[in-house]
Amino acid sequence: MSAQTVTSTHIHSWGNSQGVRLSKNLLKRMNWSENEPVTVSYSKDQILIKRTQSLIEKLFANYEDNGYKIREIDWGDDVGGEVF
């Protein structure tokens, strides 16, 4: 996907840091929400903001279920002091 200029903004002071505000409309177009985890990288004259995959998304990124069905396993009668 090629980059599209949607809007212009400015760098603003935010506590001891600086920040760029993103419009609600832009976040909606990207299907992002407040507190979305992101990765920020930069080169000479660009800053790139990308959605960060959650750990569970990374762990299951290439998972194929191959028709796996959840089923209950009968281990037989209780033996000993098990409490359920």
C-alpha atoms as a PDB file:
ATOM      1  CA  MET A   1       0.000   0.000   0.000  1.00  0.00           C
ATOM      2  CA  SER A   2       1.415   3.370  -0.941  1.00  0.00           C
ATOM      3  CA  ALA A   3       1.460   6.241   1.511  1.00  0.00           C
ATOM      4  CA  GLN A   4      -1.321   8.778   1.217  1.00  0.00           C
ATOM      5  CA  THR A   5      -1.268  12.277   2.660  1.00  0.00           C
ATOM      6  CA  VAL A   6      -4.553  12.540   4.500  1.00  0.00           C
ATOM      7  CA  THR A   7      -3.964  15.628   6.585  1.00  0.00           C
ATOM      8  CA  SER A   8      -1.270  17.945   7.859  1.00  0.00           C
ATOM      9  CA  THR A   9      -0.436  18.556  11.500  1.00  0.00           C
ATOM     10  CA  HIS A  10       2.291  20.040  13.687  1.00  0.00           C
ATOM     11  CA  ILE A  11       4.674  18.771  16.329  1.00  0.00           C
ATOM     12  CA  HIS A  12       3.462  19.942  19.754  1.00  0.00           C
ATOM     13  CA  SER A  13       4.984  19.929  23.244  1.00  0.00           C
ATOM     14  CA  TRP A  14       3.586  17.194  25.437  1.00  0.00           C
ATOM     15  CA  GLY A  15       5.094  17.249  28.911  1.00  0.00           C
ATOM     16  CA  ASN A  16       8.859  16.830  28.511  1.00  0.00           C
ATOM     17  CA  SER A  17       8.381  15.334  25.029  1.00  0.00           C
ATOM     18  CA  GLN A  18       6.910  16.326  21.709  1.00  0.00           C
ATOM     19  CA  GLY A  19       4.029  14.624  19.984  1.00  0.00           C
ATOM     20  CA  VAL A  20       1.970  14.512  16.834  1.00  0.00           C
ATOM     21  CA  ARG A  21      -1.797  14.264  17.153  1.00  0.00           C
ATOM     22  CA  LEU A  22      -3.605  11.943  14.771  1.00  0.00           C
ATOM     23  CA  SER A  23      -7.184  12.732  13.854  1.00  0.00           C
ATOM     24  CA  LYS A  24     -10.020  10.471  14.928  1.00  0.00           C
ATOM     25  CA  ASN A  25     -10.962  10.161  11.248  1.00  0.00           C
ATOM     26  CA  LEU A  26      -7.472   8.883  10.315  1.00  0.00           C
ATOM     27  CA  LEU A  27      -7.486   6.338  13.151  1.00  0.00           C
ATOM     28  CA  LYS A  28     -10.931   5.180  12.050  1.00  0.00           C
ATOM     29  CA  ARG A  29      -9.688   4.735   8.450  1.00  0.00           C
ATOM     30  CA  MET A  30      -6.764   2.670   9.769  1.00  0.00           C
ATOM     31  CA  ASN A  31      -9.049   0.711  12.120  1.00  0.00           C
ATOM     32  CA  TRP A  32      -6.830   1.763  15.034  1.00  0.00           C
ATOM     33  CA  SER A  33      -7.993   2.790  18.492  1.00  0.00           C
ATOM     34  CA  GLU A  34      -6.717   4.782  21.442  1.00  0.00           C
ATOM     35  CA  ASN A  35      -3.820   3.064  23.259  1.00  0.00           C
ATOM     36  CA  GLU A  36      -3.054   0.944  20.165  1.00  0.00           C
ATOM     37  CA  PRO A  37       0.473  -0.520  20.522  1.00  0.00           C
ATOM     38  CA  VAL A  38       2.678   0.875  17.747  1.00  0.00           C
ATOM     39  CA  THR A  39       6.288   0.758  16.626  1.00  0.00           C
ATOM     40  CA  VAL A  40       7.958   4.002  15.576  1.00  0.00           C
ATOM     41  CA  SER A  41      10.935   3.936  13.211  1.00  0.00           C
ATOM     42  CA  TYR A  42      12.692   6.686  11.307  1.00  0.00           C
ATOM     43  CA  SER A  43      15.028   7.430   8.451  1.00  0.00           C
ATOM     44  CA  LYS A  44      16.502  10.697   7.134  1.00  0.00           C
ATOM     45  CA  ASP A  45      13.275  12.632   6.654  1.00  0.00           C
ATOM     46  CA  GLN A  46      10.511  10.167   7.570  1.00  0.00           C
ATOM     47  CA  ILE A  47       8.887   8.773  10.675  1.00  0.00           C
ATOM     48  CA  LEU A  48       6.974   5.528  10.207  1.00  0.00           C
ATOM     49  CA  ILE A  49       4.289   4.412  12.661  1.00  0.00           C
ATOM     50  CA  LYS A  50       3.205   0.779  12.390  1.00  0.00           C
ATOM     51  CA  ARG A  51       0.754  -1.286  14.389  1.00  0.00           C
ATOM     52  CA  THR A  52       2.599  -3.703  16.674  1.00  0.00           C
ATOM     53  CA  GLN A  53       1.377  -7.287  16.627  1.00  0.00           C
ATOM     54  CA  SER A  54       0.387  -8.592  20.015  1.00  0.00           C
ATOM     55  CA  LEU A  55       2.321 -11.580  21.368  1.00  0.00           C
ATOM     56  CA  ILE A  56      -0.632 -13.898  20.773  1.00  0.00           C
ATOM     57  CA  GLU A  57      -0.869 -12.715  17.131  1.00  0.00           C
ATOM     58  CA  LYS A  58       2.855 -13.422  16.679  1.00  0.00           C
ATOM     59  CA  LEU A  59       2.589 -16.859  18.274  1.00  0.00           C
ATOM     60  CA  PHE A  60      -0.321 -17.888  16.049  1.00  0.00           C
ATOM     61  CA  ALA A  61       0.677 -16.013  12.863  1.00  0.00           C
ATOM     62  CA  ASN A  62       1.337 -19.211  10.859  1.00  0.00           C
ATOM     63  CA  TYR A  63      -0.966 -21.543  12.753  1.00  0.00           C
ATOM     64  CA  GLU A  64      -3.136 -23.922  10.734  1.00  0.00           C
ATOM     65  CA  ASP A  65      -5.727 -25.879  12.668  1.00  0.00           C
ATOM     66  CA  ASN A  66      -6.024 -28.739  10.116  1.00  0.00           C
ATOM     67  CA  GLY A  67      -9.571 -29.467  11.241  1.00  0.00           C
ATOM     68  CA  TYR A  68      -8.727 -29.715  14.963  1.00  0.00           C
ATOM     69  CA  LYS A  69     -11.852 -30.085  17.092  1.00  0.00           C
ATOM     70  CA  ILE A  70     -11.947 -29.440  20.818  1.00  0.00           C
ATOM     71  CA  ARG A  71     -13.152 -32.498  22.671  1.00  0.00           C
ATOM     72  CA  GLU A  72     -13.353 -33.622  26.268  1.00  0.00           C
ATOM     73  CA  ILE A  73     -11.088 -36.481  27.325  1.00  0.00           C
ATOM     74  CA  ASP A  74     -12.374 -38.984  29.873  1.00  0.00           C
ATOM     75  CA  TRP A  75      -9.514 -39.876  32.221  1.00  0.00           C
ATOM     76  CA  GLY A  76     -11.650 -42.313  34.221  1.00  0.00           C
ATOM     77  CA  ASP A  77     -12.835 -42.151  37.812  1.00  0.00           C
ATOM     78  CA  ASP A  78     -11.080 -39.989  40.403  1.00  0.00           C
ATOM     79  CA  VAL A  79      -8.265 -41.802  42.205  1.00  0.00           C
ATOM     80  CA  GLY A  80      -6.974 -40.198  45.386  1.00  0.00           C
ATOM     81  CA  GLY A  81      -7.815 -36.802  46.781  1.00  0.00           C
ATOM     82  CA  GLU A  82      -8.607 -34.791  43.601  1.00  0.00           C
ATOM     83  CA  VAL A  83     -10.978 -31.896  44.166  1.00  0.00           C
ATOM     84  CA  PHE A  84     -12.861 -30.411  41.219  1.00  0.00           C
END
